[in-house]
Amino acid sequence: MINVCFVILHYLALNDTIECVESILNNVNYNNYSIVIVDNNSPDSSGKHLKEIYLDNNDIEVILSNENLGFAKGNNLGFIYAKERLNSDFVILINNDTIIEQSNFIDLVIETFNRTHYYVLGPDIVSTKDKCHQNPNLIRLNGLQKKEVKSLIRQIDFLYIKTYLKYITHSQKLITALKNMLGIYCTTIVNQNKYINKELENIQLHGACIILSPLYLEGFDYAFFPETYMYMEEDILYYICKKNNFKTVYNPSIKILHKEDSSTNLIMNSPIKKSLFILKHSRHSARILYNIMNKG
């Protein structure tokens, strides 16, 4: 039977992670799946608490990282464990602030692969805040061009300086502007019928849920390009797929709920600090993407 593994990256937000895990255990109807939780060195010992909670469940493994690896490397730690230790055929990377309610979630993942032979699959991701849809990403539908990445780096540099010098006081508005600029946003109601209800191929997918097929596992030893810390992982993933003619698929019949930013909000209650955090790591990731593009 096909072996499927969910990888959940955990940091501080204990209740969210538990809710995410329980949504899988209570709803997903499939006989051969496992769950790997990667604790990104949470300072509140919540990772150890998760290990205690699921100690007697043989289908759940909690990995305690000795350092905060960030989003890409943290997910990669779980990916490598799933691939090499669990011999998984499919790896489903989901944020810890997501909820799965579909009983046939895995069946649809496998059916879509048998039909389309995708490398990377993305579901319909629905925000629990306002019910908007995060796949497909209309701004990033076909990824970024090299000149757009260069322009994005300039914009981030400019905003970082202004924010650091506290010229921007309405930082909550800045966070919204940043998310729009970086493509971290929801599909608008106007475009819903045109995009979200149609299966699409070879588009960029949202990073809150990335499903990697046997074709991807065969060719890569990482899920996300390992040099970023946070943000734009899906931009780099899409560029790599596009460059190598690896098919990506969005399937609206597969659904997942997303609460958004739970871990980030726990450690940064100041809009200024959150803005600087987003800008700092987005700038680093954008430069990595630009360097990858330069190498051809």
C-alpha atoms as a PDB file:
ATOM      1  CA  MET A   1       0.000   0.000   0.000  1.00  0.00           C
ATOM      2  CA  ILE A   2       1.192   3.521  -0.804  1.00  0.00           C
ATOM      3  CA  ASN A   3       2.981   5.121   2.155  1.00  0.00           C
ATOM      4  CA  VAL A   4       2.085   8.751   2.922  1.00  0.00           C
ATOM      5  CA  CYS A   5       3.640  11.061   5.507  1.00  0.00           C
ATOM      6  CA  PHE A   6       2.435  14.409   6.864  1.00  0.00           C
ATOM      7  CA  VAL A   7       5.249  16.731   7.987  1.00  0.00           C
ATOM      8  CA  ILE A   8       4.245  19.470  10.433  1.00  0.00           C
ATOM      9  CA  LEU A   9       6.697  22.189  11.496  1.00  0.00           C
ATOM     10  CA  HIS A  10       6.061  23.282  15.090  1.00  0.00           C
ATOM     11  CA  TYR A  11       7.193  26.400  16.930  1.00  0.00           C
ATOM     12  CA  LEU A  12       5.548  27.597  20.177  1.00  0.00           C
ATOM     13  CA  ALA A  13       1.922  27.344  19.021  1.00  0.00           C
ATOM     14  CA  LEU A  14       1.137  24.138  20.916  1.00  0.00           C
ATOM     15  CA  ASN A  15      -2.654  24.275  20.671  1.00  0.00           C
ATOM     16  CA  ASP A  16      -2.520  24.900  16.935  1.00  0.00           C
ATOM     17  CA  THR A  17      -0.201  21.941  16.365  1.00  0.00           C
ATOM     18  CA  ILE A  18      -2.377  19.647  18.455  1.00  0.00           C
ATOM     19  CA  GLU A  19      -5.490  20.796  16.574  1.00  0.00           C
ATOM     20  CA  CYS A  20      -3.717  20.171  13.266  1.00  0.00           C
ATOM     21  CA  VAL A  21      -2.621  16.655  14.270  1.00  0.00           C
ATOM     22  CA  GLU A  22      -6.019  15.768  15.710  1.00  0.00           C
ATOM     23  CA  SER A  23      -7.755  16.947  12.535  1.00  0.00           C
ATOM     24  CA  ILE A  24      -5.714  14.391  10.599  1.00  0.00           C
ATOM     25  CA  LEU A  25      -6.250  11.585  13.117  1.00  0.00           C
ATOM     26  CA  ASN A  26      -9.982  12.223  13.412  1.00  0.00           C
ATOM     27  CA  ASN A  27     -10.837  12.910   9.779  1.00  0.00           C
ATOM     28  CA  VAL A  28      -8.421  11.331   7.327  1.00  0.00           C
ATOM     29  CA  ASN A  29      -9.515   7.824   6.353  1.00  0.00           C
ATOM     30  CA  TYR A  30      -6.447   5.978   5.068  1.00  0.00           C
ATOM     31  CA  ASN A  31      -4.650   2.925   6.452  1.00  0.00           C
ATOM     32  CA  ASN A  32      -1.019   3.747   5.771  1.00  0.00           C
ATOM     33  CA  TYR A  33      -0.038   7.239   6.810  1.00  0.00           C
ATOM     34  CA  SER A  34       2.287   8.664   9.426  1.00  0.00           C
ATOM     35  CA  ILE A  35       2.831  12.091  10.956  1.00  0.00           C
ATOM     36  CA  VAL A  36       6.215  13.688  11.607  1.00  0.00           C
ATOM     37  CA  ILE A  37       6.243  16.769  13.840  1.00  0.00           C
ATOM     38  CA  VAL A  38       9.437  18.830  13.754  1.00  0.00           C
ATOM     39  CA  ASP A  39       9.867  21.062  16.798  1.00  0.00           C
ATOM     40  CA  ASN A  40      11.975  24.039  15.708  1.00  0.00           C
ATOM     41  CA  ASN A  41      13.651  24.363  19.127  1.00  0.00           C
ATOM     42  CA  SER A  42      10.655  26.007  20.814  1.00  0.00           C
ATOM     43  CA  PRO A  43      11.924  27.869  23.929  1.00  0.00           C
ATOM     44  CA  ASP A  44       8.796  26.942  25.919  1.00  0.00           C
ATOM     45  CA  SER A  45       9.538  23.175  25.763  1.00  0.00           C
ATOM     46  CA  SER A  46       6.296  22.606  23.833  1.00  0.00           C
ATOM     47  CA  GLY A  47       8.157  20.203  21.548  1.00  0.00           C
ATOM     48  CA  LYS A  48       8.944  17.952  24.496  1.00  0.00           C
ATOM     49  CA  HIS A  49       5.315  18.203  25.547  1.00  0.00           C
ATOM     50  CA  LEU A  50       4.218  17.039  22.085  1.00  0.00           C
ATOM     51  CA  LYS A  51       6.613  14.112  22.369  1.00  0.00           C
ATOM     52  CA  GLU A  52       4.962  13.117  25.647  1.00  0.00           C
ATOM     53  CA  ILE A  53       1.421  13.528  24.283  1.00  0.00           C
ATOM     54  CA  TYR A  54       2.026  11.244  21.293  1.00  0.00           C
ATOM     55  CA  LEU A  55       4.522   8.869  22.917  1.00  0.00           C
ATOM     56  CA  ASP A  56       2.192   5.882  22.617  1.00  0.00           C
ATOM     57  CA  ASN A  57       1.131   6.574  19.030  1.00  0.00           C
ATOM     58  CA  ASN A  58       3.384   4.558  16.722  1.00  0.00           C
ATOM     59  CA  ASP A  59       2.239   6.550  13.700  1.00  0.00           C
ATOM     60  CA  ILE A  60       3.503   9.866  15.070  1.00  0.00           C
ATOM     61  CA  GLU A  61       7.152  10.856  15.429  1.00  0.00           C
ATOM     62  CA  VAL A  62       8.241  14.088  17.144  1.00  0.00           C
ATOM     63  CA  ILE A  63      11.703  15.329  16.155  1.00  0.00           C
ATOM     64  CA  LEU A  64      13.325  17.868  18.485  1.00  0.00           C
ATOM     65  CA  SER A  65      15.728  20.148  16.634  1.00  0.00           C
ATOM     66  CA  ASN A  66      18.656  21.552  18.621  1.00  0.00           C
ATOM     67  CA  GLU A  67      18.264  24.927  16.920  1.00  0.00           C
ATOM     68  CA  ASN A  68      15.631  27.023  15.173  1.00  0.00           C
ATOM     69  CA  LEU A  69      16.295  26.077  11.565  1.00  0.00           C
ATOM     70  CA  GLY A  70      13.690  28.352  10.030  1.00  0.00           C
ATOM     71  CA  PHE A  71      10.941  27.291   7.634  1.00  0.00           C
ATOM     72  CA  ALA A  72      12.916  25.649   4.823  1.00  0.00           C
ATOM     73  CA  LYS A  73      15.464  23.661   6.828  1.00  0.00           C
ATOM     74  CA  GLY A  74      12.922  22.775   9.504  1.00  0.00           C
ATOM     75  CA  ASN A  75      10.618  21.253   6.897  1.00  0.00           C
ATOM     76  CA  ASN A  76      13.591  19.598   5.224  1.00  0.00           C
ATOM     77  CA  LEU A  77      14.446  17.840   8.491  1.00  0.00           C
ATOM     78  CA  GLY A  78      11.002  16.240   8.484  1.00  0.00           C
ATOM     79  CA  PHE A  79      11.161  15.557   4.740  1.00  0.00           C
ATOM     80  CA  ILE A  80      14.454  13.666   5.026  1.00  0.00           C
ATOM     81  CA  TYR A  81      13.111  11.610   7.938  1.00  0.00           C
ATOM     82  CA  ALA A  82       9.957  10.760   5.977  1.00  0.00           C
ATOM     83  CA  LYS A  83      11.897   9.839   2.857  1.00  0.00           C
ATOM     84  CA  GLU A  84      14.835   7.942   4.341  1.00  0.00           C
ATOM     85  CA  ARG A  85      13.522   6.499   7.612  1.00  0.00           C
ATOM     86  CA  LEU A  86       9.859   5.948   6.789  1.00  0.00           C
ATOM     87  CA  ASN A  87      10.275   5.185   3.069  1.00  0.00           C
ATOM     88  CA  SER A  88       7.345   7.466   2.268  1.00  0.00           C
ATOM     89  CA  ASP A  89       5.994   7.606  -1.270  1.00  0.00           C
ATOM     90  CA  PHE A  90       4.278  10.975  -0.766  1.00  0.00           C
ATOM     91  CA  VAL A  91       5.278  13.738   1.658  1.00  0.00           C
ATOM     92  CA  ILE A  92       2.637  16.312   2.597  1.00  0.00           C
ATOM     93  CA  LEU A  93       4.145  19.444   4.155  1.00  0.00           C
ATOM     94  CA  ILE A  94       1.533  21.412   6.082  1.00  0.00           C
ATOM     95  CA  ASN A  95       1.753  24.395   8.414  1.00  0.00           C
ATOM     96  CA  ASN A  96       0.876  23.679  12.028  1.00  0.00           C
ATOM     97  CA  ASP A  97      -1.946  26.246  11.842  1.00  0.00           C
ATOM     98  CA  THR A  98      -3.850  24.230   9.236  1.00  0.00           C
ATOM     99  CA  ILE A  99      -6.826  21.888   9.600  1.00  0.00           C
ATOM    100  CA  ILE A 100      -7.859  18.965   7.394  1.00  0.00           C
ATOM    101  CA  GLU A 101     -11.529  17.965   7.391  1.00  0.00           C
ATOM    102  CA  GLN A 102     -11.696  15.697   4.326  1.00  0.00           C
ATOM    103  CA  SER A 103     -11.852  11.957   4.954  1.00  0.00           C
ATOM    104  CA  ASN A 104     -10.615  11.246   1.396  1.00  0.00           C
ATOM    105  CA  PHE A 105      -7.762  13.781   1.484  1.00  0.00           C
ATOM    106  CA  ILE A 106      -5.038  11.197   0.782  1.00  0.00           C
ATOM    107  CA  ASP A 107      -7.144   9.302  -1.750  1.00  0.00           C
ATOM    108  CA  LEU A 108      -7.508  12.513  -3.759  1.00  0.00           C
ATOM    109  CA  VAL A 109      -3.754  13.182  -3.523  1.00  0.00           C
ATOM    110  CA  ILE A 110      -2.999   9.734  -4.961  1.00  0.00           C
ATOM    111  CA  GLU A 111      -5.764   9.883  -7.587  1.00  0.00           C
ATOM    112  CA  THR A 112      -4.487  13.244  -8.833  1.00  0.00           C
ATOM    113  CA  PHE A 113      -0.965  11.865  -9.164  1.00  0.00           C
ATOM    114  CA  ASN A 114      -2.119   8.789 -11.086  1.00  0.00           C
ATOM    115  CA  ARG A 115      -3.958  11.065 -13.487  1.00  0.00           C
ATOM    116  CA  THR A 116      -1.542  13.993 -13.894  1.00  0.00           C
ATOM    117  CA  HIS A 117       1.904  12.699 -12.786  1.00  0.00           C
ATOM    118  CA  TYR A 118       2.679  15.887 -10.888  1.00  0.00           C
ATOM    119  CA  TYR A 119       5.864  16.602  -8.983  1.00  0.00           C
ATOM    120  CA  VAL A 120       4.222  19.140  -6.658  1.00  0.00           C
ATOM    121  CA  LEU A 121       0.526  19.430  -5.781  1.00  0.00           C
ATOM    122  CA  GLY A 122      -1.377  22.208  -4.026  1.00  0.00           C
ATOM    123  CA  PRO A 123      -4.916  22.091  -2.592  1.00  0.00           C
ATOM    124  CA  ASP A 124      -7.542  24.789  -2.200  1.00  0.00           C
ATOM    125  CA  ILE A 125      -6.291  26.614   0.931  1.00  0.00           C
ATOM    126  CA  VAL A 126      -9.057  28.543   2.654  1.00  0.00           C
ATOM    127  CA  SER A 127      -8.326  31.176   5.306  1.00  0.00           C
ATOM    128  CA  THR A 128     -10.351  30.718   8.483  1.00  0.00           C
ATOM    129  CA  LYS A 129     -10.193  34.490   9.048  1.00  0.00           C
ATOM    130  CA  ASP A 130     -12.173  35.670   6.037  1.00  0.00           C
ATOM    131  CA  LYS A 131     -12.830  32.505   3.971  1.00  0.00           C
ATOM    132  CA  CYS A 132     -10.681  33.758   1.116  1.00  0.00           C
ATOM    133  CA  HIS A 133      -8.574  31.385  -0.993  1.00  0.00           C
ATOM    134  CA  GLN A 134      -4.758  31.288  -1.037  1.00  0.00           C
ATOM    135  CA  ASN A 135      -4.386  28.997  -4.042  1.00  0.00           C
ATOM    136  CA  PRO A 136      -3.951  29.844  -6.809  1.00  0.00           C
ATOM    137  CA  ASN A 137      -1.804  32.881  -6.083  1.00  0.00           C
ATOM    138  CA  LEU A 138      -2.860  35.359  -8.786  1.00  0.00           C
ATOM    139  CA  ILE A 139       0.156  37.639  -8.382  1.00  0.00           C
ATOM    140  CA  ARG A 140       2.520  34.667  -8.590  1.00  0.00           C
ATOM    141  CA  LEU A 141       0.448  32.498 -10.938  1.00  0.00           C
ATOM    142  CA  ASN A 142       3.383  32.079 -13.341  1.00  0.00           C
ATOM    143  CA  GLY A 143       6.158  32.891 -10.896  1.00  0.00           C
ATOM    144  CA  LEU A 144       8.491  35.857 -10.885  1.00  0.00           C
ATOM    145  CA  GLN A 145      10.715  36.981 -13.721  1.00  0.00           C
ATOM    146  CA  LYS A 146      14.327  37.882 -13.040  1.00  0.00           C
ATOM    147  CA  LYS A 147      13.701  41.616 -13.483  1.00  0.00           C
ATOM    148  CA  GLU A 148      10.744  41.403 -11.073  1.00  0.00           C
ATOM    149  CA  VAL A 149      12.927  39.787  -8.411  1.00  0.00           C
ATOM    150  CA  LYS A 150      15.522  42.531  -8.858  1.00  0.00           C
ATOM    151  CA  SER A 151      12.794  45.174  -8.471  1.00  0.00           C
ATOM    152  CA  LEU A 152      11.408  43.378  -5.414  1.00  0.00           C
ATOM    153  CA  ILE A 153      14.832  43.457  -3.727  1.00  0.00           C
ATOM    154  CA  ARG A 154      15.012  47.231  -4.267  1.00  0.00           C
ATOM    155  CA  GLN A 155      11.520  47.724  -2.813  1.00  0.00           C
ATOM    156  CA  ILE A 156      12.346  45.621   0.238  1.00  0.00           C
ATOM    157  CA  ASP A 157      15.620  47.475   0.838  1.00  0.00           C
ATOM    158  CA  PHE A 158      13.788  50.810   0.677  1.00  0.00           C
ATOM    159  CA  LEU A 159      11.006  49.716   3.026  1.00  0.00           C
ATOM    160  CA  TYR A 160      13.468  48.150   5.461  1.00  0.00           C
ATOM    161  CA  ILE A 161      15.354  51.415   5.873  1.00  0.00           C
ATOM    162  CA  LYS A 162      12.142  53.421   6.317  1.00  0.00           C
ATOM    163  CA  THR A 163      10.745  50.933   8.818  1.00  0.00           C
ATOM    164  CA  TYR A 164      13.981  50.702  10.788  1.00  0.00           C
ATOM    165  CA  LEU A 165      14.111  54.472  11.102  1.00  0.00           C
ATOM    166  CA  LYS A 166      10.465  54.388  12.244  1.00  0.00           C
ATOM    167  CA  TYR A 167       9.302  56.711   9.493  1.00  0.00           C
ATOM    168  CA  ILE A 168       6.364  54.368   9.009  1.00  0.00           C
ATOM    169  CA  THR A 169       4.155  54.487  12.087  1.00  0.00           C
ATOM    170  CA  HIS A 170       1.087  52.626  10.809  1.00  0.00           C
ATOM    171  CA  SER A 171       2.914  49.316  10.758  1.00  0.00           C
ATOM    172  CA  GLN A 172      -0.167  47.121  10.561  1.00  0.00           C
ATOM    173  CA  LYS A 173      -0.928  48.736   7.216  1.00  0.00           C
ATOM    174  CA  LEU A 174       2.680  48.107   6.250  1.00  0.00           C
ATOM    175  CA  ILE A 175       2.341  44.395   7.038  1.00  0.00           C
ATOM    176  CA  THR A 176      -0.653  44.198   4.715  1.00  0.00           C
ATOM    177  CA  ALA A 177       1.283  46.057   2.016  1.00  0.00           C
ATOM    178  CA  LEU A 178       4.235  43.713   2.473  1.00  0.00           C
ATOM    179  CA  LYS A 179       2.062  40.640   2.113  1.00  0.00           C
ATOM    180  CA  ASN A 180       0.588  42.017  -1.088  1.00  0.00           C
ATOM    181  CA  MET A 181       4.043  42.821  -2.434  1.00  0.00           C
ATOM    182  CA  LEU A 182       5.367  39.363  -1.549  1.00  0.00           C
ATOM    183  CA  GLY A 183       2.323  37.551  -2.843  1.00  0.00           C
ATOM    184  CA  ILE A 184       1.229  36.448   0.652  1.00  0.00           C
ATOM    185  CA  TYR A 185      -2.431  37.131   0.098  1.00  0.00           C
ATOM    186  CA  CYS A 186      -5.827  35.645  -0.784  1.00  0.00           C
ATOM    187  CA  THR A 187      -7.577  35.383  -4.114  1.00  0.00           C
ATOM    188  CA  THR A 188     -10.185  38.126  -4.299  1.00  0.00           C
ATOM    189  CA  ILE A 189     -13.881  37.308  -4.470  1.00  0.00           C
ATOM    190  CA  VAL A 190     -14.052  38.817  -7.965  1.00  0.00           C
ATOM    191  CA  ASN A 191     -11.695  36.187  -9.351  1.00  0.00           C
ATOM    192  CA  GLN A 192     -12.926  33.161  -7.404  1.00  0.00           C
ATOM    193  CA  ASN A 193     -15.122  31.578 -10.057  1.00  0.00           C
ATOM    194  CA  LYS A 194     -12.499  32.114 -12.725  1.00  0.00           C
ATOM    195  CA  TYR A 195      -9.606  30.436 -10.923  1.00  0.00           C
ATOM    196  CA  ILE A 196     -10.261  28.578  -7.687  1.00  0.00           C
ATOM    197  CA  ASN A 197     -12.768  26.048  -9.012  1.00  0.00           C
ATOM    198  CA  LYS A 198     -10.619  24.901 -11.933  1.00  0.00           C
ATOM    199  CA  GLU A 199      -7.757  22.422 -11.865  1.00  0.00           C
ATOM    200  CA  LEU A 200      -4.628  24.201 -13.089  1.00  0.00           C
ATOM    201  CA  GLU A 201      -1.194  22.982 -14.145  1.00  0.00           C
ATOM    202  CA  ASN A 202       2.269  24.510 -13.939  1.00  0.00           C
ATOM    203  CA  ILE A 203       1.428  27.382 -11.604  1.00  0.00           C
ATOM    204  CA  GLN A 204       3.037  28.561  -8.383  1.00  0.00           C
ATOM    205  CA  LEU A 205       1.502  27.115  -5.216  1.00  0.00           C
ATOM    206  CA  HIS A 206       1.068  28.455  -1.666  1.00  0.00           C
ATOM    207  CA  GLY A 207       3.544  27.122   0.906  1.00  0.00           C
ATOM    208  CA  ALA A 208       1.019  26.382   3.685  1.00  0.00           C
ATOM    209  CA  CYS A 209       0.417  22.982   2.085  1.00  0.00           C
ATOM    210  CA  ILE A 210       2.856  21.481  -0.401  1.00  0.00           C
ATOM    211  CA  ILE A 211       2.394  17.865  -1.513  1.00  0.00           C
ATOM    212  CA  LEU A 212       5.438  16.140  -2.979  1.00  0.00           C
ATOM    213  CA  SER A 213       5.007  13.059  -5.159  1.00  0.00           C
ATOM    214  CA  PRO A 214       7.250  10.007  -5.721  1.00  0.00           C
ATOM    215  CA  LEU A 215       8.682  11.787  -8.780  1.00  0.00           C
ATOM    216  CA  TYR A 216       9.842  14.680  -6.617  1.00  0.00           C
ATOM    217  CA  LEU A 217      11.181  12.401  -3.876  1.00  0.00           C
ATOM    218  CA  GLU A 218      13.167  10.461  -6.437  1.00  0.00           C
ATOM    219  CA  GLY A 219      14.980  13.556  -7.654  1.00  0.00           C
ATOM    220  CA  PHE A 220      15.515  15.670  -4.531  1.00  0.00           C
ATOM    221  CA  ASP A 221      16.987  15.309  -1.051  1.00  0.00           C
ATOM    222  CA  TYR A 222      15.196  18.428   0.194  1.00  0.00           C
ATOM    223  CA  ALA A 223      11.661  19.778   0.100  1.00  0.00           C
ATOM    224  CA  PHE A 224      12.553  23.477   0.012  1.00  0.00           C
ATOM    225  CA  PHE A 225      15.790  25.077  -1.180  1.00  0.00           C
ATOM    226  CA  PRO A 226      17.796  24.961   2.056  1.00  0.00           C
ATOM    227  CA  GLU A 227      19.462  28.387   2.060  1.00  0.00           C
ATOM    228  CA  THR A 228      16.425  30.476   3.031  1.00  0.00           C
ATOM    229  CA  TYR A 229      15.207  31.044   6.579  1.00  0.00           C
ATOM    230  CA  MET A 230      11.628  32.139   5.928  1.00  0.00           C
ATOM    231  CA  TYR A 231       9.482  33.525   3.078  1.00  0.00           C
ATOM    232  CA  MET A 232       9.550  32.986  -0.700  1.00  0.00           C
ATOM    233  CA  GLU A 233      10.208  29.245  -0.401  1.00  0.00           C
ATOM    234  CA  GLU A 234       7.373  28.584  -2.830  1.00  0.00           C
ATOM    235  CA  ASP A 235       8.820  31.115  -5.300  1.00  0.00           C
ATOM    236  CA  ILE A 236      12.114  29.219  -5.371  1.00  0.00           C
ATOM    237  CA  LEU A 237      10.377  25.841  -5.502  1.00  0.00           C
ATOM    238  CA  TYR A 238       8.291  26.940  -8.477  1.00  0.00           C
ATOM    239  CA  TYR A 239      11.324  28.337 -10.311  1.00  0.00           C
ATOM    240  CA  ILE A 240      13.170  25.024  -9.858  1.00  0.00           C
ATOM    241  CA  CYS A 241      10.134  23.074 -11.089  1.00  0.00           C
ATOM    242  CA  LYS A 242       9.624  25.361 -14.072  1.00  0.00           C
ATOM    243  CA  LYS A 243      13.294  25.241 -15.023  1.00  0.00           C
ATOM    244  CA  ASN A 244      13.295  21.427 -14.964  1.00  0.00           C
ATOM    245  CA  ASN A 245       9.852  20.967 -16.550  1.00  0.00           C
ATOM    246  CA  PHE A 246       8.486  19.419 -13.352  1.00  0.00           C
ATOM    247  CA  LYS A 247       4.710  19.605 -13.379  1.00  0.00           C
ATOM    248  CA  THR A 248       2.890  21.447 -10.587  1.00  0.00           C
ATOM    249  CA  VAL A 249      -0.856  21.016 -10.152  1.00  0.00           C
ATOM    250  CA  TYR A 250      -3.571  22.863  -8.250  1.00  0.00           C
ATOM    251  CA  ASN A 251      -6.583  20.671  -7.457  1.00  0.00           C
ATOM    252  CA  PRO A 252      -9.580  22.544  -5.971  1.00  0.00           C
ATOM    253  CA  SER A 253     -11.274  19.315  -4.881  1.00  0.00           C
ATOM    254  CA  ILE A 254      -8.568  18.870  -2.201  1.00  0.00           C
ATOM    255  CA  LYS A 255      -9.129  21.349   0.625  1.00  0.00           C
ATOM    256  CA  ILE A 256      -7.363  22.567   3.749  1.00  0.00           C
ATOM    257  CA  LEU A 257      -8.115  25.343   6.247  1.00  0.00           C
ATOM    258  CA  HIS A 258      -5.415  27.843   7.244  1.00  0.00           C
ATOM    259  CA  LYS A 259      -5.408  30.057  10.330  1.00  0.00           C
ATOM    260  CA  GLU A 260      -2.211  31.968   9.323  1.00  0.00           C
ATOM    261  CA  ASP A 261       0.777  33.396  11.218  1.00  0.00           C
ATOM    262  CA  SER A 262       0.089  31.736  14.584  1.00  0.00           C
ATOM    263  CA  SER A 263       3.748  31.120  15.472  1.00  0.00           C
ATOM    264  CA  THR A 264       4.954  34.492  14.179  1.00  0.00           C
ATOM    265  CA  ASN A 265       2.281  36.344  16.132  1.00  0.00           C
ATOM    266  CA  LEU A 266       3.282  34.577  19.359  1.00  0.00           C
ATOM    267  CA  ILE A 267       6.870  35.772  19.227  1.00  0.00           C
ATOM    268  CA  MET A 268       6.259  39.237  17.710  1.00  0.00           C
ATOM    269  CA  ASN A 269       3.373  41.217  19.140  1.00  0.00           C
ATOM    270  CA  SER A 270       4.868  44.481  17.847  1.00  0.00           C
ATOM    271  CA  PRO A 271       3.908  45.425  14.252  1.00  0.00           C
ATOM    272  CA  ILE A 272       7.279  47.179  13.843  1.00  0.00           C
ATOM    273  CA  LYS A 273       9.194  44.036  14.856  1.00  0.00           C
ATOM    274  CA  LYS A 274       7.014  41.870  12.659  1.00  0.00           C
ATOM    275  CA  SER A 275       7.529  44.226   9.693  1.00  0.00           C
ATOM    276  CA  LEU A 276      11.299  44.177  10.152  1.00  0.00           C
ATOM    277  CA  PHE A 277      11.257  40.379  10.473  1.00  0.00           C
ATOM    278  CA  ILE A 278       9.303  39.959   7.234  1.00  0.00           C
ATOM    279  CA  LEU A 279      11.517  42.456   5.397  1.00  0.00           C
ATOM    280  CA  LYS A 280      14.815  41.021   6.638  1.00  0.00           C
ATOM    281  CA  HIS A 281      14.099  37.423   5.706  1.00  0.00           C
ATOM    282  CA  SER A 282      12.228  38.256   2.493  1.00  0.00           C
ATOM    283  CA  ARG A 283      15.209  40.296   1.318  1.00  0.00           C
ATOM    284  CA  HIS A 284      17.532  37.366   2.023  1.00  0.00           C
ATOM    285  CA  SER A 285      15.240  34.919   0.200  1.00  0.00           C
ATOM    286  CA  ALA A 286      14.767  37.247  -2.779  1.00  0.00           C
ATOM    287  CA  ARG A 287      18.528  37.552  -3.164  1.00  0.00           C
ATOM    288  CA  ILE A 288      18.873  33.772  -3.085  1.00  0.00           C
ATOM    289  CA  LEU A 289      16.230  33.430  -5.816  1.00  0.00           C
ATOM    290  CA  TYR A 290      17.986  36.092  -7.893  1.00  0.00           C
ATOM    291  CA  ASN A 291      21.328  34.265  -7.537  1.00  0.00           C
ATOM    292  CA  ILE A 292      19.700  30.983  -8.589  1.00  0.00           C
ATOM    293  CA  MET A 293      18.251  32.718 -11.661  1.00  0.00           C
ATOM    294  CA  ASN A 294      21.659  34.173 -12.499  1.00  0.00           C
ATOM    295  CA  LYS A 295      23.151  30.676 -12.569  1.00  0.00           C
ATOM    296  CA  GLY A 296      20.581  29.700 -15.186  1.00  0.00           C
END
